[in-house]
Protein backbone atom coordinates (compact mmCIF):
# COMPACT_ATOMS: atom_id res chain seq x y z
CA MET A 1 0.00 0.02 0.01
CA ALA A 2 1.35 3.37 -0.90
CA PRO A 3 1.88 6.07 1.71
CA LEU A 4 -1.36 7.30 3.44
CA PHE A 5 -2.65 10.72 3.59
CA LEU A 6 -3.18 10.62 7.39
CA LEU A 7 -0.42 13.18 7.86
CA ARG A 8 -2.65 15.59 5.99
CA LEU A 9 -5.53 14.96 8.35
CA PHE A 10 -3.57 15.95 11.46
CA THR A 11 -1.95 19.02 9.97
CA SER A 12 -4.82 20.12 7.82
CA LEU A 13 -8.37 18.69 7.20
CA CYS A 14 -8.56 21.04 4.32
CA LEU A 15 -6.21 22.87 1.91
CA VAL A 16 -7.26 26.27 3.08
CA SER A 17 -6.22 26.22 6.75
CA THR A 18 -3.59 24.58 9.06
CA LEU A 19 -3.65 23.57 12.63
CA THR A 20 -0.24 25.23 13.21
CA ALA A 21 -1.70 28.57 12.02
CA ALA A 22 -3.94 29.02 15.07
CA LEU A 23 -3.91 32.74 14.50
CA PRO A 24 -3.95 32.92 10.72
CA THR A 25 -5.29 36.41 10.33
CA LYS A 26 -3.70 38.37 13.15
CA GLN A 27 -1.59 40.42 10.71
CA ASN A 28 -4.75 41.75 9.21
CA ILE A 29 -6.13 43.13 12.36
CA THR A 30 -4.95 46.56 13.46
CA SER A 31 -6.70 49.27 15.45
CA PRO A 32 -6.44 52.86 14.09
CA GLY A 33 -9.30 54.23 15.99
CA LYS A 34 -10.70 54.66 19.52
CA ALA A 35 -11.04 51.27 21.16
CA PRO A 36 -14.72 50.07 21.28
CA VAL A 37 -16.05 48.89 24.58
CA VAL A 38 -18.84 46.47 25.32
CA ASP A 39 -20.50 45.66 28.61
CA LEU A 40 -21.65 42.09 28.81
CA ASN A 41 -22.89 42.28 32.41
CA TYR A 42 -20.38 39.67 33.45
CA THR A 43 -17.32 41.38 32.01
CA VAL A 44 -16.51 44.64 30.19
CA TYR A 45 -14.40 43.94 27.07
CA GLU A 46 -12.32 46.50 25.08
CA GLY A 47 -11.89 45.52 21.49
CA LEU A 48 -10.25 47.02 18.31
CA SER A 49 -11.59 49.60 15.95
CA LEU A 50 -10.44 48.64 12.37
CA ALA A 51 -9.70 50.75 9.44
CA ASN A 52 -12.61 49.39 7.39
CA GLY A 53 -15.49 50.62 9.64
CA VAL A 54 -15.56 47.34 11.65
CA SER A 55 -14.97 46.68 15.31
CA ALA A 56 -13.30 43.40 16.47
CA PHE A 57 -13.66 41.80 19.81
CA LEU A 58 -11.28 38.92 20.03
CA GLY A 59 -10.86 36.17 22.55
CA MET A 60 -13.83 36.75 24.90
CA ARG A 61 -14.94 34.11 27.28
CA TYR A 62 -18.39 32.73 26.64
CA ALA A 63 -17.98 30.01 29.33
CA SER A 64 -15.74 29.16 32.17
CA PRO A 65 -12.53 27.33 31.60
CA PRO A 66 -13.57 23.59 31.20
CA VAL A 67 -10.77 22.40 33.54
CA GLY A 68 -10.55 20.16 36.59
CA ASP A 69 -13.93 19.19 37.77
CA LEU A 70 -15.59 20.84 34.77
CA ARG A 71 -13.90 18.43 32.42
CA TRP A 72 -16.55 16.28 30.53
CA ARG A 73 -19.36 18.47 31.81
CA ALA A 74 -21.75 20.96 30.03
CA PRO A 75 -19.99 24.31 29.94
CA ALA A 76 -20.54 26.68 32.81
CA LYS A 77 -21.18 30.31 32.53
CA PRO A 78 -18.19 32.58 32.70
CA SER A 79 -17.18 34.18 36.05
CA ARG A 80 -17.64 37.98 36.69
CA THR A 81 -14.72 40.21 36.44
CA SER A 82 -14.43 43.72 37.99
CA THR A 83 -11.90 45.19 35.61
CA VAL A 84 -12.06 46.00 31.83
CA GLN A 85 -10.64 42.98 29.96
CA LYS A 86 -8.71 43.34 26.68
CA ALA A 87 -10.32 41.73 23.62
CA THR A 88 -7.70 42.53 21.28
CA GLN A 89 -5.97 39.16 20.28
CA PHE A 90 -7.06 35.70 19.68
CA GLN A 91 -6.86 33.23 22.42
CA PRO A 92 -5.81 29.56 22.36
CA ILE A 93 -7.93 27.03 20.54
CA CYS A 94 -8.94 23.71 22.02
CA LEU A 95 -6.52 20.78 22.13
CA GLY A 96 -6.68 18.64 19.18
CA ILE A 97 -5.84 14.97 18.66
CA ASN A 98 -2.26 13.77 18.34
CA ASN A 99 -0.62 16.97 19.53
CA PRO A 100 1.66 16.72 22.54
CA TYR A 101 1.19 19.25 25.34
CA PRO A 102 2.13 22.00 25.52
CA ALA A 103 0.99 22.65 22.08
CA GLY A 104 1.50 26.06 20.36
CA GLY A 105 -1.68 28.11 20.25
CA GLN A 106 -3.69 25.29 21.90
CA ASP A 107 -4.87 24.76 25.54
CA GLU A 108 -7.50 23.12 27.67
CA ASP A 109 -8.62 26.56 28.63
CA CYS A 110 -10.11 27.44 25.23
CA LEU A 111 -13.76 28.40 25.20
CA PHE A 112 -13.45 31.80 23.47
CA VAL A 113 -15.53 33.75 21.09
CA ASN A 114 -14.73 36.42 18.53
CA VAL A 115 -17.14 39.09 17.25
CA TRP A 116 -16.84 41.44 14.26
CA ALA A 117 -19.47 44.25 14.03
CA PRO A 118 -19.83 47.64 12.26
CA THR A 119 -18.25 50.28 14.37
CA ASN A 120 -21.26 52.51 14.19
CA ALA A 121 -23.62 49.64 15.30
CA THR A 122 -25.62 50.18 18.40
CA SER A 123 -27.73 47.94 20.75
CA GLN A 124 -30.78 49.12 18.66
CA SER A 125 -29.33 48.25 15.23
CA GLN A 126 -30.74 44.63 15.07
CA LEU A 127 -28.42 43.50 12.42
CA PRO A 128 -28.59 39.90 11.09
CA VAL A 129 -25.94 37.64 12.84
CA TRP A 130 -23.63 35.07 11.13
CA VAL A 131 -22.38 32.38 13.55
CA PHE A 132 -19.56 30.25 12.00
CA ILE A 133 -18.91 26.76 13.51
CA GLN A 134 -15.42 25.53 12.43
CA GLY A 135 -14.51 22.08 11.52
CA GLY A 136 -11.85 19.68 12.12
CA GLY A 137 -13.45 16.31 12.04
CA TYR A 138 -14.56 16.55 15.85
CA VAL A 139 -10.84 15.71 16.54
CA SER A 140 -9.18 19.19 16.10
CA LEU A 141 -10.08 22.71 15.22
CA THR A 142 -8.74 23.59 11.68
CA ASN A 143 -10.65 26.74 10.83
CA ALA A 144 -9.79 28.82 13.86
CA ASN A 145 -10.04 32.59 14.16
CA TRP A 146 -10.77 33.28 10.54
CA ASN A 147 -11.14 37.00 10.09
CA GLY A 148 -14.76 38.08 9.81
CA ALA A 149 -14.10 41.71 9.08
CA GLU A 150 -14.33 41.50 5.28
CA VAL A 151 -17.73 39.92 5.14
CA VAL A 152 -19.09 42.55 7.57
CA GLN A 153 -17.56 45.27 5.28
CA LYS A 154 -18.86 43.65 2.02
CA SER A 155 -22.29 43.45 3.55
CA GLY A 156 -22.41 47.19 3.62
CA HIS A 157 -21.85 46.95 7.38
CA ASN A 158 -25.23 45.19 7.64
CA ILE A 159 -24.28 42.00 9.58
CA VAL A 160 -22.45 40.87 12.60
CA MET A 161 -19.91 37.91 12.35
CA VAL A 162 -19.22 35.51 15.25
CA ASN A 163 -16.66 32.53 15.41
CA PHE A 164 -15.66 30.52 18.41
CA ASN A 165 -13.82 27.44 19.87
CA TYR A 166 -15.41 24.30 21.17
CA ARG A 167 -13.96 21.19 22.79
CA VAL A 168 -12.85 18.31 20.35
CA GLY A 169 -11.25 14.93 20.42
CA MET A 170 -11.09 13.22 23.82
CA TRP A 171 -11.78 16.51 25.54
CA GLY A 172 -15.09 17.01 23.79
CA PHE A 173 -16.33 13.60 22.81
CA LEU A 174 -15.10 10.90 25.17
CA ALA A 175 -18.21 8.65 25.69
CA SER A 176 -19.17 6.11 28.37
CA GLU A 177 -21.92 5.51 30.81
CA ARG A 178 -19.48 6.63 33.39
CA VAL A 179 -19.40 10.07 31.71
CA ARG A 180 -23.31 10.06 31.63
CA GLU A 181 -23.43 9.20 35.25
CA ASP A 182 -21.19 12.01 36.60
CA GLY A 183 -20.82 14.40 33.58
CA ASP A 184 -22.29 15.19 30.20
CA LEU A 185 -21.84 13.51 26.77
CA ASN A 186 -21.13 15.31 23.80
CA ALA A 187 -19.50 18.06 25.61
CA GLY A 188 -18.22 19.77 22.41
CA LEU A 189 -21.90 20.00 20.88
CA LEU A 190 -22.92 21.41 24.35
CA ASP A 191 -20.19 24.01 24.03
CA GLN A 192 -21.76 25.09 20.78
CA ARG A 193 -25.19 25.32 22.27
CA MET A 194 -23.77 27.40 25.13
CA LEU A 195 -22.30 29.73 22.39
CA LEU A 196 -25.63 30.03 20.68
CA ALA A 197 -27.25 30.82 24.01
CA TRP A 198 -24.48 33.42 24.58
CA VAL A 199 -25.28 34.99 21.28
CA LYS A 200 -28.99 35.09 22.16
CA ALA A 201 -28.27 36.91 25.37
CA HIS A 202 -25.40 39.11 24.38
CA ILE A 203 -25.28 39.92 20.59
CA ALA A 204 -27.63 43.00 20.75
CA SER A 205 -24.68 44.65 22.64
CA PHE A 206 -22.65 44.38 19.49
CA GLY A 207 -25.51 45.66 17.26
CA GLY A 208 -26.74 42.18 16.36
CA ASP A 209 -30.41 40.91 16.39
CA PRO A 210 -30.79 37.90 18.75
CA ASN A 211 -33.87 36.96 16.81
CA HIS A 212 -32.02 36.72 13.42
CA VAL A 213 -29.18 34.36 13.87
CA VAL A 214 -28.00 32.09 11.10
CA ILE A 215 -25.64 29.20 11.86
CA HIS A 216 -22.97 28.21 9.32
CA GLY A 217 -20.59 25.29 9.68
CA ALA A 218 -17.76 23.84 7.63
CA SER A 219 -17.07 20.09 7.54
CA ALA A 220 -17.64 18.88 11.18
CA GLY A 221 -19.06 22.27 11.77
CA ALA A 222 -21.56 21.63 8.96
CA GLY A 223 -22.30 18.30 10.59
CA SER A 224 -22.84 20.20 13.82
CA VAL A 225 -25.36 22.44 12.04
CA ALA A 226 -27.27 19.34 10.99
CA MET A 227 -27.18 18.02 14.52
CA HIS A 228 -28.44 21.37 16.05
CA MET A 229 -31.30 21.13 13.64
CA VAL A 230 -32.30 17.69 15.11
CA ALA A 231 -31.16 18.31 18.61
CA TYR A 232 -33.51 17.09 21.30
CA GLY A 233 -35.61 15.54 18.74
CA GLY A 234 -36.01 18.75 16.77
CA ARG A 235 -36.97 21.03 19.66
CA ASN A 236 -36.84 24.53 18.56
CA ASP A 237 -35.00 26.62 21.34
CA ASP A 238 -35.19 29.81 19.04
CA LEU A 239 -31.40 29.81 18.70
CA PHE A 240 -31.26 30.22 14.98
CA VAL A 241 -33.55 31.25 12.05
CA GLY A 242 -31.47 29.74 9.12
CA ALA A 243 -28.76 27.05 8.65
CA MET A 244 -25.87 26.83 6.19
CA ALA A 245 -23.80 23.66 5.81
CA GLU A 246 -20.55 23.71 3.94
CA SER A 247 -19.47 20.05 3.16
CA VAL A 248 -21.75 18.46 5.72
CA PHE A 249 -19.88 15.73 7.60
CA PHE A 250 -21.37 12.42 8.59
CA PRO A 251 -18.82 9.99 10.08
CA ALA A 252 -19.73 6.92 12.03
CA GLN A 253 -21.72 8.08 15.18
CA PRO A 254 -22.16 5.13 17.49
CA ALA A 255 -24.34 4.81 20.53
CA VAL A 256 -22.79 5.25 24.05
CA THR A 257 -22.84 1.45 24.67
CA ASP A 258 -20.61 0.95 21.63
CA LEU A 259 -17.90 3.35 22.85
CA GLU A 260 -16.91 1.99 26.22
CA TYR A 261 -13.72 0.78 24.82
CA GLN A 262 -12.58 4.33 24.14
CA PHE A 263 -13.03 5.28 27.79
CA ASP A 264 -11.33 2.01 28.84
CA ARG A 265 -8.37 2.81 26.63
CA VAL A 266 -7.94 6.40 28.05
CA ALA A 267 -8.28 5.08 31.61
CA GLN A 268 -5.51 2.37 30.88
CA GLN A 269 -3.26 4.82 29.26
CA THR A 270 -3.51 7.32 32.09
CA GLY A 271 -3.22 4.82 34.95
CA CYS A 272 -6.84 5.37 36.01
CA ASP A 273 -7.68 1.78 35.33
CA SER A 274 -6.15 1.05 38.68
CA VAL A 275 -8.96 2.63 40.58
CA PRO A 276 -12.55 1.33 40.98
CA ARG A 277 -14.66 1.73 37.78
CA ASP A 278 -16.96 4.23 39.46
CA ASN A 279 -14.06 6.43 40.23
CA GLN A 280 -12.21 6.44 36.96
CA LEU A 281 -13.78 9.69 35.61
CA SER A 282 -12.80 11.47 38.94
CA CYS A 283 -9.31 10.13 38.45
CA LEU A 284 -9.16 11.56 34.91
CA ARG A 285 -10.30 14.89 36.18
CA GLY A 286 -7.45 14.92 38.63
CA LYS A 287 -4.85 14.20 35.96
CA ASP A 288 -2.61 17.01 34.58
CA VAL A 289 -3.23 18.19 31.04
CA ALA A 290 -0.02 16.60 29.65
CA ALA A 291 -1.00 13.11 30.89
CA LEU A 292 -4.37 13.33 29.44
CA GLN A 293 -3.34 14.85 26.14
CA ALA A 294 -0.95 11.89 25.71
CA ALA A 295 -4.16 9.71 25.53
CA ASN A 296 -5.82 11.97 23.02
CA HIS A 297 -4.64 10.08 19.96
CA VAL A 298 -6.04 8.14 17.11
CA GLN A 299 -6.29 4.38 17.64
CA GLN A 300 -7.78 1.52 15.56
CA PHE A 301 -11.52 0.60 16.00
CA PRO A 302 -12.04 -2.70 17.75
CA GLY A 303 -11.57 -5.72 15.50
CA ARG A 304 -10.00 -3.83 12.60
CA PRO A 305 -6.31 -4.37 11.60
CA ASP A 306 -3.60 -1.75 11.13
CA PRO A 307 -3.06 0.08 8.76
CA PRO A 308 -4.74 2.38 7.93
CA LEU A 309 -5.89 4.04 11.14
CA PRO A 310 -9.34 5.52 11.04
CA LEU A 311 -9.51 9.23 10.14
CA PHE A 312 -11.89 10.18 12.89
CA TYR A 313 -11.64 8.37 16.20
CA PHE A 314 -13.59 10.67 18.62
CA THR A 315 -17.00 11.76 17.26
CA PRO A 316 -20.42 12.71 18.62
CA CYS A 317 -22.42 9.84 20.03
CA ILE A 318 -26.11 8.90 20.03
CA ASP A 319 -26.77 9.74 23.74
CA GLY A 320 -30.48 9.48 23.79
CA ASP A 321 -31.00 13.22 24.82
CA LEU A 322 -29.16 15.80 22.74
CA LEU A 323 -28.82 13.25 19.93
CA ARG A 324 -31.86 10.85 20.18
CA ASP A 325 -31.06 8.83 17.11
CA TYR A 326 -28.98 9.14 13.95
CA PRO A 327 -29.43 12.50 12.49
CA TYR A 328 -30.62 11.28 9.26
CA LYS A 329 -33.44 9.33 10.82
CA LEU A 330 -34.46 12.28 12.76
CA PHE A 331 -34.71 14.36 9.53
CA ARG A 332 -36.70 11.46 7.86
CA ASP A 333 -39.13 11.53 10.76
CA GLY A 334 -39.57 15.31 10.45
CA ARG A 335 -38.08 15.82 13.83
CA PHE A 336 -36.00 18.89 13.01
CA VAL A 337 -36.08 22.66 13.32
CA LYS A 338 -37.77 23.82 10.09
CA VAL A 339 -35.83 26.88 9.01
CA PRO A 340 -34.35 27.97 5.56
CA VAL A 341 -31.28 26.04 4.70
CA LEU A 342 -28.29 26.27 2.22
CA PHE A 343 -26.17 23.03 1.96
CA GLY A 344 -23.42 22.21 -0.49
CA THR A 345 -20.17 20.35 -1.15
CA SER A 346 -17.01 20.61 -3.20
CA ALA A 347 -16.80 18.36 -6.23
CA ASN A 348 -13.97 16.13 -4.83
CA GLU A 349 -14.61 15.80 -1.15
CA GLY A 350 -12.62 12.67 -0.48
CA SER A 351 -9.38 13.64 -2.19
CA VAL A 352 -7.49 14.94 0.88
CA PHE A 353 -8.60 12.03 3.12
CA ALA A 354 -8.42 8.98 0.86
CA VAL A 355 -5.75 6.22 1.25
CA ASN A 356 -3.36 6.18 -1.83
CA ALA A 357 -4.52 2.80 -2.74
CA ASP A 358 -2.60 0.45 -5.03
CA THR A 359 -5.21 -2.23 -5.16
CA GLN A 360 -8.98 -2.70 -4.93
CA ALA A 361 -8.14 -4.52 -1.59
CA ASP A 362 -6.57 -1.41 -0.23
CA VAL A 363 -9.78 0.55 -0.97
CA SER A 364 -11.72 -2.07 0.89
CA MET A 365 -9.55 -2.00 3.88
CA PHE A 366 -9.67 1.81 4.06
CA LEU A 367 -13.43 1.94 3.97
CA ARG A 368 -13.88 -0.87 6.53
CA ASN A 369 -11.36 0.72 8.89
CA ASN A 370 -13.33 3.93 8.80
CA TYR A 371 -16.76 2.42 8.89
CA PRO A 372 -16.01 -0.75 10.90
CA HIS A 373 -19.38 -2.39 10.67
CA LEU A 374 -19.17 -2.75 6.96
CA SER A 375 -19.09 -6.41 6.12
CA ALA A 376 -16.94 -7.92 3.33
CA ASN A 377 -20.03 -8.48 1.30
CA GLU A 378 -21.22 -4.92 1.80
CA THR A 379 -17.77 -3.69 0.84
CA ASP A 380 -17.92 -5.79 -2.31
CA ALA A 381 -21.23 -4.06 -3.14
CA VAL A 382 -19.55 -0.73 -2.59
CA LEU A 383 -16.82 -1.57 -5.01
CA ALA A 384 -19.34 -2.63 -7.60
CA HIS A 385 -20.55 1.02 -7.58
CA TYR A 386 -17.01 2.36 -7.57
CA PRO A 387 -14.85 0.57 -10.20
CA LEU A 388 -11.32 1.47 -11.19
CA LEU A 389 -11.25 5.21 -12.34
CA PRO A 390 -8.93 7.01 -14.64
CA SER A 391 -5.57 7.58 -12.93
CA LEU A 392 -4.64 10.97 -11.29
CA PRO A 393 -1.23 12.74 -11.07
CA ASN A 394 1.09 11.70 -8.28
CA HIS A 395 -1.21 8.89 -6.98
CA ALA A 396 -1.52 5.14 -7.05
CA PRO A 397 -3.99 3.40 -9.41
CA TRP A 398 -6.91 2.89 -7.01
CA TYR A 399 -6.66 6.23 -5.24
CA PRO A 400 -9.28 7.95 -7.48
CA THR A 401 -11.76 5.15 -6.45
CA ALA A 402 -10.97 5.48 -2.71
CA SER A 403 -11.31 9.26 -3.03
CA GLN A 404 -14.80 9.15 -4.75
CA ALA A 405 -16.17 6.39 -2.57
CA TYR A 406 -15.16 8.04 0.73
CA GLY A 407 -16.12 11.59 -0.43
CA GLU A 408 -19.56 10.35 -1.45
CA ALA A 409 -20.13 8.16 1.66
CA THR A 410 -19.11 10.86 4.13
CA PHE A 411 -19.93 14.16 2.57
CA ILE A 412 -21.75 14.25 -0.87
CA CYS A 413 -24.40 11.66 -0.38
CA PRO A 414 -25.24 12.76 3.17
CA ASN A 415 -25.68 16.18 1.76
CA VAL A 416 -27.97 14.99 -1.06
CA ASN A 417 -29.89 12.55 1.20
CA VAL A 418 -30.29 14.99 4.07
CA LEU A 419 -31.53 17.85 1.60
CA ASN A 420 -34.08 15.43 0.34
CA GLU A 421 -35.44 14.73 3.82
CA ILE A 422 -35.29 18.31 4.91
CA HIS A 423 -37.31 19.33 1.67
CA ALA A 424 -39.80 16.48 2.21
CA GLY A 425 -40.15 17.45 5.92
CA MET A 426 -40.81 21.12 4.88
CA LEU A 427 -43.46 19.97 2.43
CA SER A 428 -45.13 17.68 4.91
CA SER A 429 -45.14 20.41 7.51
CA ALA A 430 -46.60 22.96 5.12
CA ALA A 431 -49.21 20.51 3.95
CA THR A 432 -50.28 19.73 7.51
CA THR A 433 -50.55 23.46 8.32
CA LEU A 434 -52.65 24.12 5.16
CA THR A 435 -54.89 21.24 5.82
CA SER A 436 -55.54 22.27 9.44
CA THR A 437 -56.47 25.76 8.23
CA ASN A 438 -58.39 24.69 5.08
CA THR A 439 -62.02 24.78 6.46
CA THR A 440 -63.72 26.11 3.37
CA ASN A 441 -64.00 22.75 1.61
CA THR A 442 -64.30 19.81 3.84
CA THR A 443 -65.29 17.54 1.04
CA ASN A 444 -62.26 18.02 -1.13
CA THR A 445 -60.08 14.86 -0.87
CA ASN A 446 -57.49 16.01 -3.45
CA PRO A 447 -53.96 16.79 -2.17
CA ILE A 448 -53.50 20.37 -1.41
CA PRO A 449 -50.87 21.88 -3.80
CA ILE A 450 -47.86 23.27 -1.88
CA THR A 451 -46.18 26.30 -3.43
CA GLN A 452 -42.58 27.42 -2.66
CA THR A 453 -43.99 30.32 -0.52
CA ASP A 454 -45.58 27.93 1.83
CA GLN A 455 -42.43 26.33 3.13
CA PRO A 456 -38.88 27.51 4.32
CA PRO A 457 -36.70 27.39 1.28
CA VAL A 458 -33.92 24.83 0.58
CA PHE A 459 -30.82 25.67 -1.45
CA ALA A 460 -27.85 23.48 -2.63
CA TYR A 461 -24.75 23.86 -4.41
CA ARG A 462 -21.65 22.11 -5.89
CA PHE A 463 -18.36 23.88 -5.78
CA ASN A 464 -16.39 23.16 -8.92
CA VAL A 465 -13.80 25.92 -9.20
CA GLN A 466 -10.67 24.47 -10.88
CA ASP A 467 -7.26 25.30 -9.60
CA GLU A 468 -4.04 24.44 -11.54
CA GLY A 469 -2.20 23.52 -8.39
CA ASN A 470 -4.89 21.23 -7.21
CA THR A 471 -5.21 19.66 -10.57
CA ALA A 472 -1.49 19.00 -10.85
CA ALA A 473 -1.59 17.31 -7.47
CA GLY A 474 -4.47 15.17 -8.44
CA LEU A 475 -6.82 16.54 -5.85
CA GLY A 476 -9.56 17.96 -8.17
CA VAL A 477 -11.71 20.46 -6.18
CA PRO A 478 -10.95 19.41 -2.57
CA HIS A 479 -12.73 19.63 0.65
CA LEU A 480 -13.56 23.18 1.77
CA PHE A 481 -11.84 24.66 -1.22
CA ASP A 482 -14.86 27.01 -1.34
CA ALA A 483 -13.90 28.63 2.01
CA ALA A 484 -11.70 31.26 0.46
CA ALA A 485 -14.58 32.27 -1.81
CA ILE A 486 -17.01 32.78 1.16
CA PHE A 487 -14.67 34.63 3.47
CA GLY A 488 -12.13 36.02 1.07
CA PRO A 489 -8.71 34.63 0.43
CA ASP A 490 -6.83 36.99 2.92
CA ASN A 491 -8.96 35.91 5.75
CA ILE A 492 -8.64 32.18 6.27
CA GLY A 493 -4.89 31.37 5.97
CA GLY A 494 -3.38 29.18 3.24
CA ALA A 495 -5.77 30.14 0.49
CA SER A 496 -4.74 29.36 -3.04
CA ALA A 497 -3.04 32.08 -5.06
CA SER A 498 -5.48 31.50 -7.88
CA TYR A 499 -8.19 33.32 -5.79
CA LYS A 500 -6.02 36.39 -6.44
CA THR A 501 -5.64 35.87 -10.18
CA TYR A 502 -7.74 33.75 -12.62
CA ASN A 503 -10.19 32.47 -9.84
CA ALA A 504 -10.57 36.12 -8.40
CA PRO A 505 -14.18 36.73 -10.02
CA VAL A 506 -15.65 33.83 -8.08
CA VAL A 507 -14.94 35.44 -4.73
CA PRO A 508 -17.45 38.37 -4.87
CA LEU A 509 -19.94 36.05 -6.61
CA PHE A 510 -20.05 33.37 -4.05
CA MET A 511 -19.48 35.63 -1.11
CA SER A 512 -22.49 37.81 -1.99
CA TYR A 513 -24.77 34.74 -2.13
CA TRP A 514 -23.82 33.88 1.42
CA ILE A 515 -24.15 37.34 2.70
CA SER A 516 -27.55 37.58 1.08
CA PHE A 517 -28.66 34.36 2.89
CA ILE A 518 -27.48 35.78 6.12
CA ARG A 519 -29.35 38.94 5.60
CA ARG A 520 -32.57 37.61 3.96
CA LEU A 521 -32.53 33.83 4.39
CA ASP A 522 -32.35 33.73 0.57
CA PRO A 523 -29.17 33.91 -1.47
CA ASN A 524 -30.67 35.92 -4.18
CA PRO A 525 -31.75 39.46 -3.01
CA HIS A 526 -28.15 40.67 -2.50
CA ARG A 527 -26.31 38.54 -4.95
CA SER A 528 -23.73 40.14 -7.14
CA GLU A 529 -24.75 41.91 -10.37
CA GLY A 530 -24.95 39.55 -13.29
CA SER A 531 -24.90 36.36 -11.21
CA PRO A 532 -27.60 33.74 -11.83
CA VAL A 533 -30.74 33.17 -9.75
CA TRP A 534 -30.19 30.46 -7.32
CA ARG A 535 -33.16 28.22 -7.59
CA ARG A 536 -34.50 25.93 -4.93
CA TRP A 537 -33.62 22.37 -4.39
CA GLY A 538 -37.11 21.30 -5.46
CA GLY A 539 -36.68 22.82 -8.86
CA GLY A 540 -38.47 25.70 -10.72
CA GLY A 541 -41.20 27.90 -9.18
CA GLY A 542 -44.90 27.36 -8.61
CA GLU A 543 -46.61 24.23 -7.36
CA MET A 544 -44.45 21.63 -5.76
CA GLY A 545 -46.97 18.84 -5.44
CA VAL A 546 -46.83 16.30 -2.68
CA VAL A 547 -44.11 13.90 -1.65
CA LYS A 548 -44.44 10.57 -3.40
CA ASP A 549 -42.72 7.29 -2.41
CA GLY A 550 -39.16 7.25 -3.72
CA ASP A 551 -39.03 10.96 -4.54
CA ARG A 552 -38.12 12.72 -1.42
CA SER A 553 -37.16 15.75 -3.36
CA GLY A 554 -40.83 16.64 -3.62
CA GLY A 555 -41.32 15.96 -7.30
CA GLY A 556 -39.40 18.96 -8.58
CA GLY A 557 -35.94 17.41 -9.06
CA MET A 558 -32.72 18.12 -7.21
CA SER A 559 -31.72 21.57 -8.39
CA GLN A 560 -28.34 22.98 -7.28
CA LEU A 561 -26.06 25.86 -8.20
CA ILE A 562 -22.82 24.68 -9.76
CA VAL A 563 -20.12 27.18 -9.03
CA GLU A 564 -17.44 27.62 -11.80
CA THR A 565 -15.26 30.63 -12.53
CA GLY A 566 -17.06 32.32 -15.38
CA ASN A 567 -19.79 29.67 -15.70
CA THR A 568 -21.89 29.48 -12.61
CA ARG A 569 -25.29 28.07 -13.32
CA MET A 570 -28.14 25.77 -12.22
CA GLU A 571 -27.91 21.97 -12.66
CA THR A 572 -29.53 18.89 -11.34
CA VAL A 573 -27.85 16.23 -9.35
CA PRO A 574 -26.41 13.75 -11.97
CA ALA A 575 -28.53 10.49 -12.38
CA ASP A 576 -25.53 8.25 -11.60
CA GLU A 577 -24.78 10.13 -8.30
CA ARG A 578 -28.45 9.84 -7.35
CA VAL A 579 -28.05 6.08 -7.72
CA ARG A 580 -24.90 5.85 -5.58
CA CYS A 581 -26.61 8.15 -2.88
CA LEU A 582 -29.57 5.83 -2.70
CA PHE A 583 -27.13 2.93 -2.21
CA TRP A 584 -25.15 4.62 0.58
CA LEU A 585 -28.65 5.43 2.08
CA SER A 586 -29.42 1.72 2.19
CA LEU A 587 -26.25 1.21 4.29
CA GLY A 588 -27.09 4.09 6.64
CA ASP A 589 -27.41 1.81 9.78
CA THR A 590 -24.18 -0.12 8.91
CA LEU A 591 -22.36 3.22 8.58
CA GLU A 592 -23.83 4.39 11.92
CA GLN A 593 -24.79 7.74 10.30
CA MET A 594 -28.25 7.35 8.88
């Protein structure tokens, strides 16, 4: 088997950011004007006044440090301070997997939030709020501290931008009944919920509208967006009014009972297996950071051989409370918060993750080591859908197959299948509402036509912007290559130089769609001049019909925006991709994702 791409996983889960660049945009943040001050009742923060009419408040606490007895518990509110605190530089991000401690730019004390707002905004401005949830596969934070000043400026100073840290890896997603008994499962997701509650409580102080918050996630952040939509069985806590998912990520998400081995391994590696089982979590809480971080590393799933190691070892679990079932099943049952959504993927999602496979057997081993419940027969069925593909530069013969199969299993097909269920759920909800209010003709047994105005809109995209460097490397359009077009290439760290040259036109085009969705819950009203109308997932306008068996898109097709430099347009999901996505859907239980 040729060398793996695992090193790329732990140094960069996308080509547009790096773990080592924890403060990727610090050089862009200067303060030429009078320092802005905000009073959050628990602390007064002094931020930065930037040259572009934007104020930045960096590294504010939204929760208490999750240390000592607060490890593996839901986050606690931050303590009060009596002096003005500086909010003028980014603070450490949360500890990622496979990094020894101390780690530059990372620490256990990491629950910080950054806010960018128009300098002239007041508590009465009520501006739409963009909350960005970074990715990193739930094992690290790889999109930390992206600079939100440009999108605020390009919005005409009509939005407020927020990003933040949350616990990942062992610190955020260690699962066991022992954690449930004396702590909280899925602490990393609870951090995110705490941040959204913080935004609800405090964003007006920055000029934001607490009743117009749109959540946007990238990769694991996009998966988090999906999970917040289905959290607590779809309970609407009024934390957001729109949802955007950039490369929605669906790894295996086992139940707690299937993850006891992870806790046992951590206990053994830290010496806490020597104390009674009921005291092992207390033992872990008493360990120093370095000892615990030494156990925060990737290992093989039970029963699977080495190599390759799985890409994502610690992930959210089905805990019966926050996550009551696989997210896809909750979407299918209509148990989700029904708000306007915008979901999409890059064309070649698997290229930075796939094993450099020499043989078909290498592909099989790679898939089974990442989805450990796949049987040999099921893997054979997968390979029947993914034959040998044309070769790519700098890669072994079966790498293209591994890339396509993993990319579709983990990102592209969950995106398609979840969009269909969201759309169907919107239609069903709208039909129920119309049926309950239609009292003028009780003898009419025909289905009530549902129009696009009767339901929250659903938008989708495929990012297919070509880059000479990516093409030469055999990567196609890789995972999160769209991020530089959303935030601007100067604001994320490590963006391709092509976004400053031949791909420069795609930046204002794509950014304006996202800003428009933040402001209006629709990518069209504020799109850039000359850009195409972004039609809904259900296809054209007018009557959408009712959901029929086997057609979860609502009868209108699967329309998505395909983004290409100089040729952005609408398309429908290709027929062969639909077939493969239905196949992955049939394996949802086995994959522990659907």
